[in-house]
Amino acid sequence: MNLQFNPDQVALLDAVERIALEHETRALSHASHFECSASLQADLEATGLLDAAAMEELGPVAAVAMVHRLAKLPQCVELLAAALVRPLLAPALPGPCALVWERRDRPARWLPGARSVLCVRGDAVEHAVLADADVMAVDSPFGYPVGRLAAPDALAWRALDLDAAELRRLWRLGVAAELAGCLEAGLNAVVAHVSERRQFGRPLGALQAIRHRLAAAAVQVEAARWLALQAARNGSDADAACALAHAQECTPAITYDLHQFMGAMGLTLEHPLHRWTTRAKMLRSDLGGAQAQQLALAALAWNLEETA
């Protein structure tokens, strides 16, 4: 794999970085587990950055790198459908767009405020346009707005001529990249904390046990990012399943250590760590979790029919 971004991808990611840095410095609300940023969404749409995946010189690699960077923000916006699914498979679909798997009545992140919804059932993909009254918000401890369709069978569903396997591949790429970004942001916050917090006359980060566990977490997180980029470049279903399997499998141990080393501060609404770890806990179960990705990877490697 060529690990170098081309000049166009570098320019796009520089633009993403400028927007991300601007929003990182904005004051956060401490009233809930998440904060949806309408201004960030507007900036991304106004600059056309969300269309990168469909441009030949940028492609899915740039989109995955963008998802990863924006997932590191304490604020959140809908990224997976906006940056990967809509540009490559359904550009005419109204956004923001939410996605549900197999059952229309399942709760899903980003349904509150969505203007359309995709439902993937087996090899069939269908969509419906939404009004605010079509969605009920669901109380959730996770770092996303979560909702459920109020009357799913009453919506005007229409079949889409889309490849469900390709949609699943893109979704795996997006979840792997977003999960890697959340874990990296949480890790950076904890490294900063243990570098400043002193116990026994020295920084917590000077303790060898803490340093070793954070170093191990850093290796896992960096691997998750590069596996997602490799899968985006190769366009391989197996690589996408592998990237998501790795990211989901390493999430529990990493989030456990991050909260252990942050202490009670990591559970307060005033510190952003909970924003990233609660997102990560929801993403680790997407598409059936790590075990489902491993089974899918085995099926793809042995040319068997994928069941997940």
C-alpha atoms as a PDB file:
ATOM      1  CA  MET A   1       0.000   0.000   0.000  1.00  0.00           C
ATOM      2  CA  ASN A   2       1.192   3.521  -0.840  1.00  0.00           C
ATOM      3  CA  LEU A   3       0.767   5.350   2.448  1.00  0.00           C
ATOM      4  CA  GLN A   4       1.286   8.793   0.937  1.00  0.00           C
ATOM      5  CA  PHE A   5      -1.665  11.087   0.225  1.00  0.00           C
ATOM      6  CA  ASN A   6      -1.626  12.694  -3.207  1.00  0.00           C
ATOM      7  CA  PRO A   7      -1.442  16.532  -3.461  1.00  0.00           C
ATOM      8  CA  ASP A   8      -5.205  16.895  -3.898  1.00  0.00           C
ATOM      9  CA  GLN A   9      -5.877  14.750  -0.842  1.00  0.00           C
ATOM     10  CA  VAL A  10      -3.341  16.762   1.172  1.00  0.00           C
ATOM     11  CA  ALA A  11      -5.062  20.012   0.163  1.00  0.00           C
ATOM     12  CA  LEU A  12      -8.474  18.659   1.149  1.00  0.00           C
ATOM     13  CA  LEU A  13      -7.238  17.391   4.499  1.00  0.00           C
ATOM     14  CA  ASP A  14      -5.578  20.758   5.161  1.00  0.00           C
ATOM     15  CA  ALA A  15      -8.980  22.398   4.637  1.00  0.00           C
ATOM     16  CA  VAL A  16     -10.605  19.854   6.953  1.00  0.00           C
ATOM     17  CA  GLU A  17      -7.919  20.536   9.558  1.00  0.00           C
ATOM     18  CA  ARG A  18      -8.567  24.287   9.461  1.00  0.00           C
ATOM     19  CA  ILE A  19     -12.283  23.750  10.004  1.00  0.00           C
ATOM     20  CA  ALA A  20     -11.642  21.207  12.768  1.00  0.00           C
ATOM     21  CA  LEU A  21      -9.235  23.514  14.613  1.00  0.00           C
ATOM     22  CA  GLU A  22     -11.725  26.349  14.451  1.00  0.00           C
ATOM     23  CA  HIS A  23     -14.454  24.230  16.017  1.00  0.00           C
ATOM     24  CA  GLU A  24     -12.157  22.637  18.618  1.00  0.00           C
ATOM     25  CA  THR A  25     -11.668  26.038  20.217  1.00  0.00           C
ATOM     26  CA  ARG A  26     -15.389  26.751  20.630  1.00  0.00           C
ATOM     27  CA  ALA A  27     -17.010  26.491  24.032  1.00  0.00           C
ATOM     28  CA  LEU A  28     -18.956  23.302  24.668  1.00  0.00           C
ATOM     29  CA  SER A  29     -22.304  22.826  26.321  1.00  0.00           C
ATOM     30  CA  HIS A  30     -22.087  20.608  29.392  1.00  0.00           C
ATOM     31  CA  ALA A  31     -25.768  19.793  29.508  1.00  0.00           C
ATOM     32  CA  SER A  32     -25.679  16.362  27.809  1.00  0.00           C
ATOM     33  CA  HIS A  33     -23.511  13.493  26.584  1.00  0.00           C
ATOM     34  CA  PHE A  34     -23.317  14.919  23.094  1.00  0.00           C
ATOM     35  CA  GLU A  35     -23.455  18.153  21.169  1.00  0.00           C
ATOM     36  CA  CYS A  36     -24.542  18.173  17.530  1.00  0.00           C
ATOM     37  CA  SER A  37     -22.869  21.055  15.737  1.00  0.00           C
ATOM     38  CA  ALA A  38     -25.086  22.727  13.144  1.00  0.00           C
ATOM     39  CA  SER A  39     -22.313  25.219  12.392  1.00  0.00           C
ATOM     40  CA  LEU A  40     -19.823  22.435  11.659  1.00  0.00           C
ATOM     41  CA  GLN A  41     -22.370  20.738   9.414  1.00  0.00           C
ATOM     42  CA  ALA A  42     -22.943  24.033   7.588  1.00  0.00           C
ATOM     43  CA  ASP A  43     -19.197  24.612   7.121  1.00  0.00           C
ATOM     44  CA  LEU A  44     -18.692  21.138   5.654  1.00  0.00           C
ATOM     45  CA  GLU A  45     -21.632  21.520   3.276  1.00  0.00           C
ATOM     46  CA  ALA A  46     -20.672  25.048   2.199  1.00  0.00           C
ATOM     47  CA  THR A  47     -17.127  23.987   1.281  1.00  0.00           C
ATOM     48  CA  GLY A  48     -18.232  20.849  -0.581  1.00  0.00           C
ATOM     49  CA  LEU A  49     -15.839  18.692   1.439  1.00  0.00           C
ATOM     50  CA  LEU A  50     -18.456  16.004   1.961  1.00  0.00           C
ATOM     51  CA  ASP A  51     -18.464  15.272  -1.784  1.00  0.00           C
ATOM     52  CA  ALA A  52     -14.797  14.244  -1.800  1.00  0.00           C
ATOM     53  CA  ALA A  53     -15.420  10.504  -2.086  1.00  0.00           C
ATOM     54  CA  ALA A  54     -17.012  10.909  -5.525  1.00  0.00           C
ATOM     55  CA  MET A  55     -14.059  12.868  -6.975  1.00  0.00           C
ATOM     56  CA  GLU A  56     -11.508  10.720  -8.782  1.00  0.00           C
ATOM     57  CA  GLU A  57      -8.490  12.640  -7.472  1.00  0.00           C
ATOM     58  CA  LEU A  58      -9.734  12.380  -3.867  1.00  0.00           C
ATOM     59  CA  GLY A  59     -11.875   9.249  -3.562  1.00  0.00           C
ATOM     60  CA  PRO A  60     -12.797   7.133  -0.529  1.00  0.00           C
ATOM     61  CA  VAL A  61      -9.297   7.493   0.957  1.00  0.00           C
ATOM     62  CA  ALA A  62      -9.780  11.239   1.431  1.00  0.00           C
ATOM     63  CA  ALA A  63     -13.306  10.682   2.746  1.00  0.00           C
ATOM     64  CA  VAL A  64     -12.143   8.106   5.304  1.00  0.00           C
ATOM     65  CA  ALA A  65      -9.295  10.372   6.442  1.00  0.00           C
ATOM     66  CA  MET A  66     -11.803  13.227   6.789  1.00  0.00           C
ATOM     67  CA  VAL A  67     -14.200  11.096   8.856  1.00  0.00           C
ATOM     68  CA  HIS A  68     -11.326  10.092  11.116  1.00  0.00           C
ATOM     69  CA  ARG A  69     -10.241  13.702  11.712  1.00  0.00           C
ATOM     70  CA  LEU A  70     -13.733  15.050  12.344  1.00  0.00           C
ATOM     71  CA  ALA A  71     -14.528  12.179  14.730  1.00  0.00           C
ATOM     72  CA  LYS A  72     -11.807  13.577  17.000  1.00  0.00           C
ATOM     73  CA  LEU A  73     -13.882  16.699  17.648  1.00  0.00           C
ATOM     74  CA  PRO A  74     -15.896  16.829  20.882  1.00  0.00           C
ATOM     75  CA  GLN A  75     -18.845  18.039  18.799  1.00  0.00           C
ATOM     76  CA  CYS A  76     -20.447  15.560  16.427  1.00  0.00           C
ATOM     77  CA  VAL A  77     -22.086  15.622  13.005  1.00  0.00           C
ATOM     78  CA  GLU A  78     -23.466  12.857  10.799  1.00  0.00           C
ATOM     79  CA  LEU A  79     -20.471  11.720   8.742  1.00  0.00           C
ATOM     80  CA  LEU A  80     -20.884   8.186   7.426  1.00  0.00           C
ATOM     81  CA  ALA A  81     -23.834   8.670   5.102  1.00  0.00           C
ATOM     82  CA  ALA A  82     -22.815  12.244   4.266  1.00  0.00           C
ATOM     83  CA  ALA A  83     -19.192  11.518   3.337  1.00  0.00           C
ATOM     84  CA  LEU A  84     -19.368   7.972   1.940  1.00  0.00           C
ATOM     85  CA  VAL A  85     -22.842   6.611   1.173  1.00  0.00           C
ATOM     86  CA  ARG A  86     -24.534   9.603  -0.410  1.00  0.00           C
ATOM     87  CA  PRO A  87     -21.626  10.802  -2.629  1.00  0.00           C
ATOM     88  CA  LEU A  88     -20.849   7.326  -3.965  1.00  0.00           C
ATOM     89  CA  LEU A  89     -24.225   5.583  -4.065  1.00  0.00           C
ATOM     90  CA  ALA A  90     -27.156   7.970  -3.652  1.00  0.00           C
ATOM     91  CA  PRO A  91     -26.249  11.646  -4.251  1.00  0.00           C
ATOM     92  CA  ALA A  92     -29.905  12.649  -4.760  1.00  0.00           C
ATOM     93  CA  LEU A  93     -30.930  11.380  -1.327  1.00  0.00           C
ATOM     94  CA  PRO A  94     -31.930  14.221   1.034  1.00  0.00           C
ATOM     95  CA  GLY A  95     -29.578  14.745   3.944  1.00  0.00           C
ATOM     96  CA  PRO A  96     -28.952  14.337   6.753  1.00  0.00           C
ATOM     97  CA  CYS A  97     -29.557  10.630   6.220  1.00  0.00           C
ATOM     98  CA  ALA A  98     -29.844   7.856   8.810  1.00  0.00           C
ATOM     99  CA  LEU A  99     -29.455   4.131   8.219  1.00  0.00           C
ATOM    100  CA  VAL A 100     -31.164   1.140   9.839  1.00  0.00           C
ATOM    101  CA  TRP A 101     -30.257  -2.499   9.344  1.00  0.00           C
ATOM    102  CA  GLU A 102     -32.691  -5.351   8.706  1.00  0.00           C
ATOM    103  CA  ARG A 103     -35.649  -3.997  10.737  1.00  0.00           C
ATOM    104  CA  ARG A 104     -37.340  -0.683  10.125  1.00  0.00           C
ATOM    105  CA  ASP A 105     -38.349  -0.324  13.773  1.00  0.00           C
ATOM    106  CA  ARG A 106     -34.821  -0.461  15.162  1.00  0.00           C
ATOM    107  CA  PRO A 107     -33.455   2.618  16.931  1.00  0.00           C
ATOM    108  CA  ALA A 108     -30.611   4.277  15.061  1.00  0.00           C
ATOM    109  CA  ARG A 109     -28.249   7.170  15.592  1.00  0.00           C
ATOM    110  CA  TRP A 110     -28.924  10.356  13.657  1.00  0.00           C
ATOM    111  CA  LEU A 111     -32.608   9.593  13.067  1.00  0.00           C
ATOM    112  CA  PRO A 112     -33.631  12.728  15.019  1.00  0.00           C
ATOM    113  CA  GLY A 113     -33.277  15.536  12.492  1.00  0.00           C
ATOM    114  CA  ALA A 114     -32.769  13.215   9.512  1.00  0.00           C
ATOM    115  CA  ARG A 115     -34.485  14.119   6.248  1.00  0.00           C
ATOM    116  CA  SER A 116     -34.265  10.588   4.855  1.00  0.00           C
ATOM    117  CA  VAL A 117     -33.617   7.047   6.021  1.00  0.00           C
ATOM    118  CA  LEU A 118     -32.108   3.993   4.356  1.00  0.00           C
ATOM    119  CA  CYS A 119     -33.065   0.474   5.381  1.00  0.00           C
ATOM    120  CA  VAL A 120     -30.892  -2.454   4.314  1.00  0.00           C
ATOM    121  CA  ARG A 121     -32.604  -5.833   4.507  1.00  0.00           C
ATOM    122  CA  GLY A 122     -30.547  -8.656   3.082  1.00  0.00           C
ATOM    123  CA  ASP A 123     -29.722  -7.686  -0.504  1.00  0.00           C
ATOM    124  CA  ALA A 124     -32.491  -5.070  -0.709  1.00  0.00           C
ATOM    125  CA  VAL A 125     -32.058  -1.355  -0.019  1.00  0.00           C
ATOM    126  CA  GLU A 126     -35.030   0.946   0.436  1.00  0.00           C
ATOM    127  CA  HIS A 127     -35.446   4.544   1.447  1.00  0.00           C
ATOM    128  CA  ALA A 128     -38.056   6.951   2.738  1.00  0.00           C
ATOM    129  CA  VAL A 129     -38.180  10.716   3.076  1.00  0.00           C
ATOM    130  CA  LEU A 130     -38.788  11.885   6.635  1.00  0.00           C
ATOM    131  CA  ALA A 131     -40.584  14.700   8.401  1.00  0.00           C
ATOM    132  CA  ASP A 132     -39.885  15.593  12.015  1.00  0.00           C
ATOM    133  CA  ALA A 133     -43.091  13.880  13.134  1.00  0.00           C
ATOM    134  CA  ASP A 134     -41.922  10.579  11.634  1.00  0.00           C
ATOM    135  CA  VAL A 135     -39.194  10.145  14.270  1.00  0.00           C
ATOM    136  CA  MET A 136     -39.361   9.668  18.029  1.00  0.00           C
ATOM    137  CA  ALA A 137     -36.266  10.581  20.014  1.00  0.00           C
ATOM    138  CA  VAL A 138     -34.921   7.786  22.232  1.00  0.00           C
ATOM    139  CA  ASP A 139     -33.167   8.408  25.543  1.00  0.00           C
ATOM    140  CA  SER A 140     -29.678   7.011  25.187  1.00  0.00           C
ATOM    141  CA  PRO A 141     -26.445   7.049  27.224  1.00  0.00           C
ATOM    142  CA  PHE A 142     -24.411   7.133  24.022  1.00  0.00           C
ATOM    143  CA  GLY A 143     -22.810  10.158  22.407  1.00  0.00           C
ATOM    144  CA  TYR A 144     -25.192  10.502  19.466  1.00  0.00           C
ATOM    145  CA  PRO A 145     -28.784  11.587  18.971  1.00  0.00           C
ATOM    146  CA  VAL A 146     -30.767   8.332  18.767  1.00  0.00           C
ATOM    147  CA  GLY A 147     -34.289   7.867  17.474  1.00  0.00           C
ATOM    148  CA  ARG A 148     -36.840   5.386  16.263  1.00  0.00           C
ATOM    149  CA  LEU A 149     -39.325   5.625  13.392  1.00  0.00           C
ATOM    150  CA  ALA A 150     -42.735   6.402  14.877  1.00  0.00           C
ATOM    151  CA  ALA A 151     -44.716   4.397  12.309  1.00  0.00           C
ATOM    152  CA  PRO A 152     -42.170   2.713  10.042  1.00  0.00           C
ATOM    153  CA  ASP A 153     -44.640   0.753   7.916  1.00  0.00           C
ATOM    154  CA  ALA A 154     -46.689   3.895   7.224  1.00  0.00           C
ATOM    155  CA  LEU A 155     -43.798   5.647   5.456  1.00  0.00           C
ATOM    156  CA  ALA A 156     -43.614   5.792   1.650  1.00  0.00           C
ATOM    157  CA  TRP A 157     -40.737   3.359   1.225  1.00  0.00           C
ATOM    158  CA  ARG A 158     -39.178   3.043  -2.218  1.00  0.00           C
ATOM    159  CA  ALA A 159     -36.703   0.457  -3.411  1.00  0.00           C
ATOM    160  CA  LEU A 160     -33.288   1.738  -4.455  1.00  0.00           C
ATOM    161  CA  ASP A 161     -31.204   0.052  -7.110  1.00  0.00           C
ATOM    162  CA  LEU A 162     -28.143  -0.113  -4.892  1.00  0.00           C
ATOM    163  CA  ASP A 163     -25.673  -2.877  -4.181  1.00  0.00           C
ATOM    164  CA  ALA A 164     -26.268  -3.756  -0.525  1.00  0.00           C
ATOM    165  CA  ALA A 165     -22.817  -5.368  -0.286  1.00  0.00           C
ATOM    166  CA  GLU A 166     -21.163  -2.167  -1.500  1.00  0.00           C
ATOM    167  CA  LEU A 167     -23.184  -0.099   0.954  1.00  0.00           C
ATOM    168  CA  ARG A 168     -22.128  -2.459   3.737  1.00  0.00           C
ATOM    169  CA  ARG A 169     -18.479  -2.127   2.680  1.00  0.00           C
ATOM    170  CA  LEU A 170     -18.654   1.670   2.766  1.00  0.00           C
ATOM    171  CA  TRP A 171     -20.398   1.599   6.129  1.00  0.00           C
ATOM    172  CA  ARG A 172     -17.674  -0.620   7.563  1.00  0.00           C
ATOM    173  CA  LEU A 173     -15.050   1.835   6.310  1.00  0.00           C
ATOM    174  CA  GLY A 174     -16.867   4.759   7.870  1.00  0.00           C
ATOM    175  CA  VAL A 175     -17.478   3.098  11.229  1.00  0.00           C
ATOM    176  CA  ALA A 176     -13.841   1.934  11.421  1.00  0.00           C
ATOM    177  CA  ALA A 177     -12.578   5.450  10.669  1.00  0.00           C
ATOM    178  CA  GLU A 178     -14.989   7.146  13.080  1.00  0.00           C
ATOM    179  CA  LEU A 179     -14.203   4.648  15.826  1.00  0.00           C
ATOM    180  CA  ALA A 180     -10.455   5.143  15.329  1.00  0.00           C
ATOM    181  CA  GLY A 181     -10.937   8.917  15.543  1.00  0.00           C
ATOM    182  CA  CYS A 182     -12.958   8.696  18.765  1.00  0.00           C
ATOM    183  CA  LEU A 183     -10.374   6.417  20.385  1.00  0.00           C
ATOM    184  CA  GLU A 184      -7.479   8.625  19.300  1.00  0.00           C
ATOM    185  CA  ALA A 185      -9.125  11.770  20.666  1.00  0.00           C
ATOM    186  CA  GLY A 186      -9.831  10.064  23.976  1.00  0.00           C
ATOM    187  CA  LEU A 187      -6.274   8.766  24.143  1.00  0.00           C
ATOM    188  CA  ASN A 188      -4.834  12.233  23.470  1.00  0.00           C
ATOM    189  CA  ALA A 189      -6.984  13.717  26.238  1.00  0.00           C
ATOM    190  CA  VAL A 190      -5.818  11.104  28.750  1.00  0.00           C
ATOM    191  CA  VAL A 191      -2.146  11.486  27.771  1.00  0.00           C
ATOM    192  CA  ALA A 192      -2.463  15.225  28.408  1.00  0.00           C
ATOM    193  CA  HIS A 193      -4.129  14.519  31.769  1.00  0.00           C
ATOM    194  CA  VAL A 194      -1.523  12.056  33.067  1.00  0.00           C
ATOM    195  CA  SER A 195       1.256  14.382  31.906  1.00  0.00           C
ATOM    196  CA  GLU A 196      -0.104  17.146  34.159  1.00  0.00           C
ATOM    197  CA  ARG A 197      -1.720  15.273  37.062  1.00  0.00           C
ATOM    198  CA  ARG A 198       0.803  14.614  39.845  1.00  0.00           C
ATOM    199  CA  GLN A 199       0.762  11.862  42.446  1.00  0.00           C
ATOM    200  CA  PHE A 200       3.583  10.824  44.795  1.00  0.00           C
ATOM    201  CA  GLY A 201       5.538  13.885  43.698  1.00  0.00           C
ATOM    202  CA  ARG A 202       5.606  13.100  39.976  1.00  0.00           C
ATOM    203  CA  PRO A 203       3.256  13.056  36.978  1.00  0.00           C
ATOM    204  CA  LEU A 204       1.001  10.013  36.676  1.00  0.00           C
ATOM    205  CA  GLY A 205       2.402   9.510  33.195  1.00  0.00           C
ATOM    206  CA  ALA A 206       5.814   8.798  34.688  1.00  0.00           C
ATOM    207  CA  LEU A 207       4.514   5.530  36.160  1.00  0.00           C
ATOM    208  CA  GLN A 208       5.701   2.670  33.996  1.00  0.00           C
ATOM    209  CA  ALA A 209       2.463   0.647  34.181  1.00  0.00           C
ATOM    210  CA  ILE A 210       0.443   3.592  32.889  1.00  0.00           C
ATOM    211  CA  ARG A 211       2.970   4.389  30.153  1.00  0.00           C
ATOM    212  CA  HIS A 212       2.985   0.800  28.910  1.00  0.00           C
ATOM    213  CA  ARG A 213      -0.808   0.558  28.730  1.00  0.00           C
ATOM    214  CA  LEU A 214      -1.171   3.898  26.976  1.00  0.00           C
ATOM    215  CA  ALA A 215       1.577   2.924  24.532  1.00  0.00           C
ATOM    216  CA  ALA A 216      -0.242  -0.343  23.791  1.00  0.00           C
ATOM    217  CA  ALA A 217      -3.459   1.603  23.228  1.00  0.00           C
ATOM    218  CA  ALA A 218      -1.657   3.997  20.866  1.00  0.00           C
ATOM    219  CA  VAL A 219      -0.426   1.068  18.755  1.00  0.00           C
ATOM    220  CA  GLN A 220      -3.959  -0.355  18.485  1.00  0.00           C
ATOM    221  CA  VAL A 221      -5.484   3.022  17.615  1.00  0.00           C
ATOM    222  CA  GLU A 222      -2.897   3.814  14.956  1.00  0.00           C
ATOM    223  CA  ALA A 223      -3.395   0.351  13.456  1.00  0.00           C
ATOM    224  CA  ALA A 224      -7.156   0.998  13.290  1.00  0.00           C
ATOM    225  CA  ARG A 225      -6.586   4.199  11.330  1.00  0.00           C
ATOM    226  CA  TRP A 226      -4.220   2.643   8.810  1.00  0.00           C
ATOM    227  CA  LEU A 227      -6.377  -0.444   8.325  1.00  0.00           C
ATOM    228  CA  ALA A 228      -9.311   1.818   7.465  1.00  0.00           C
ATOM    229  CA  LEU A 229      -7.198   3.822   4.991  1.00  0.00           C
ATOM    230  CA  GLN A 230      -5.846   0.634   3.416  1.00  0.00           C
ATOM    231  CA  ALA A 231      -9.353  -0.753   3.002  1.00  0.00           C
ATOM    232  CA  ALA A 232     -10.486   2.526   1.438  1.00  0.00           C
ATOM    233  CA  ARG A 233      -7.619   2.453  -1.048  1.00  0.00           C
ATOM    234  CA  ASN A 234      -7.991  -1.237  -1.961  1.00  0.00           C
ATOM    235  CA  GLY A 235     -11.776  -1.265  -2.257  1.00  0.00           C
ATOM    236  CA  SER A 236     -11.736  -4.747  -0.739  1.00  0.00           C
ATOM    237  CA  ASP A 237     -14.724  -6.127   1.167  1.00  0.00           C
ATOM    238  CA  ALA A 238     -12.372  -8.320   3.203  1.00  0.00           C
ATOM    239  CA  ASP A 239     -10.105  -5.399   4.125  1.00  0.00           C
ATOM    240  CA  ALA A 240     -13.125  -3.335   5.209  1.00  0.00           C
ATOM    241  CA  ALA A 241     -14.334  -6.175   7.452  1.00  0.00           C
ATOM    242  CA  CYS A 242     -10.815  -6.586   8.842  1.00  0.00           C
ATOM    243  CA  ALA A 243     -10.503  -2.857   9.605  1.00  0.00           C
ATOM    244  CA  LEU A 244     -13.813  -2.738  11.445  1.00  0.00           C
ATOM    245  CA  ALA A 245     -13.155  -6.016  13.284  1.00  0.00           C
ATOM    246  CA  HIS A 246      -9.878  -4.668  14.636  1.00  0.00           C
ATOM    247  CA  ALA A 247     -11.332  -1.315  15.686  1.00  0.00           C
ATOM    248  CA  GLN A 248     -14.326  -2.892  17.412  1.00  0.00           C
ATOM    249  CA  GLU A 249     -12.295  -5.610  19.132  1.00  0.00           C
ATOM    250  CA  CYS A 250      -9.766  -3.232  20.693  1.00  0.00           C
ATOM    251  CA  THR A 251     -12.375  -0.691  21.864  1.00  0.00           C
ATOM    252  CA  PRO A 252     -13.403  -2.228  25.248  1.00  0.00           C
ATOM    253  CA  ALA A 253      -9.877  -2.507  26.643  1.00  0.00           C
ATOM    254  CA  ILE A 254      -8.871   0.949  25.430  1.00  0.00           C
ATOM    255  CA  THR A 255     -11.944   2.734  26.790  1.00  0.00           C
ATOM    256  CA  TYR A 256     -11.524   0.892  30.109  1.00  0.00           C
ATOM    257  CA  ASP A 257      -7.922   2.099  30.451  1.00  0.00           C
ATOM    258  CA  LEU A 258      -8.774   5.653  29.407  1.00  0.00           C
ATOM    259  CA  HIS A 259     -11.354   5.981  32.156  1.00  0.00           C
ATOM    260  CA  GLN A 260      -9.119   4.262  34.692  1.00  0.00           C
ATOM    261  CA  PHE A 261      -6.319   6.756  34.104  1.00  0.00           C
ATOM    262  CA  MET A 262      -8.585   9.796  33.881  1.00  0.00           C
ATOM    263  CA  GLY A 263     -10.343   8.883  37.130  1.00  0.00           C
ATOM    264  CA  ALA A 264     -13.672  10.402  38.052  1.00  0.00           C
ATOM    265  CA  MET A 265     -12.970  13.415  35.837  1.00  0.00           C
ATOM    266  CA  GLY A 266     -13.640  11.277  32.758  1.00  0.00           C
ATOM    267  CA  LEU A 267     -17.225  10.655  33.852  1.00  0.00           C
ATOM    268  CA  THR A 268     -18.128  14.312  34.336  1.00  0.00           C
ATOM    269  CA  LEU A 269     -19.973  16.290  31.686  1.00  0.00           C
ATOM    270  CA  GLU A 270     -17.365  19.043  32.015  1.00  0.00           C
ATOM    271  CA  HIS A 271     -14.600  16.899  30.501  1.00  0.00           C
ATOM    272  CA  PRO A 272     -15.047  15.730  26.884  1.00  0.00           C
ATOM    273  CA  LEU A 273     -13.664  12.192  27.375  1.00  0.00           C
ATOM    274  CA  HIS A 274     -17.158  10.759  27.834  1.00  0.00           C
ATOM    275  CA  ARG A 275     -18.187  12.193  24.441  1.00  0.00           C
ATOM    276  CA  TRP A 276     -15.648  10.036  22.618  1.00  0.00           C
ATOM    277  CA  THR A 277     -15.948   6.894  24.722  1.00  0.00           C
ATOM    278  CA  THR A 278     -19.763   6.798  24.643  1.00  0.00           C
ATOM    279  CA  ARG A 279     -19.635   7.154  20.856  1.00  0.00           C
ATOM    280  CA  ALA A 280     -17.045   4.389  20.711  1.00  0.00           C
ATOM    281  CA  LYS A 281     -19.209   2.076  22.816  1.00  0.00           C
ATOM    282  CA  MET A 282     -22.089   2.500  20.376  1.00  0.00           C
ATOM    283  CA  LEU A 283     -19.917   2.113  17.278  1.00  0.00           C
ATOM    284  CA  ARG A 284     -18.357  -1.118  18.587  1.00  0.00           C
ATOM    285  CA  SER A 285     -21.745  -2.850  18.258  1.00  0.00           C
ATOM    286  CA  ASP A 286     -22.490  -1.595  14.735  1.00  0.00           C
ATOM    287  CA  LEU A 287     -23.100  -4.274  12.092  1.00  0.00           C
ATOM    288  CA  GLY A 288     -23.079  -6.953  14.775  1.00  0.00           C
ATOM    289  CA  GLY A 289     -19.776  -6.073  16.429  1.00  0.00           C
ATOM    290  CA  ALA A 290     -16.297  -7.528  16.061  1.00  0.00           C
ATOM    291  CA  GLN A 291     -17.388 -11.172  15.968  1.00  0.00           C
ATOM    292  CA  ALA A 292     -19.740 -10.510  13.057  1.00  0.00           C
ATOM    293  CA  GLN A 293     -16.924  -8.779  11.165  1.00  0.00           C
ATOM    294  CA  GLN A 294     -14.579 -11.676  11.819  1.00  0.00           C
ATOM    295  CA  LEU A 295     -17.162 -14.160  10.526  1.00  0.00           C
ATOM    296  CA  ALA A 296     -17.737 -11.951   7.483  1.00  0.00           C
ATOM    297  CA  LEU A 297     -13.974 -11.769   6.894  1.00  0.00           C
ATOM    298  CA  ALA A 298     -13.703 -15.556   7.057  1.00  0.00           C
ATOM    299  CA  ALA A 299     -16.600 -15.923   4.618  1.00  0.00           C
ATOM    300  CA  LEU A 300     -15.048 -13.440   2.202  1.00  0.00           C
ATOM    301  CA  ALA A 301     -11.608 -15.036   2.478  1.00  0.00           C
ATOM    302  CA  TRP A 302     -13.042 -18.478   1.714  1.00  0.00           C
ATOM    303  CA  ASN A 303     -15.453 -17.232  -0.959  1.00  0.00           C
ATOM    304  CA  LEU A 304     -18.451 -18.206   1.124  1.00  0.00           C
ATOM    305  CA  GLU A 305     -21.735 -16.339   1.208  1.00  0.00           C
ATOM    306  CA  GLU A 306     -21.605 -13.519   3.742  1.00  0.00           C
ATOM    307  CA  THR A 307     -24.450 -13.675   6.253  1.00  0.00           C
ATOM    308  CA  ALA A 308     -23.906 -10.420   8.175  1.00  0.00           C
END
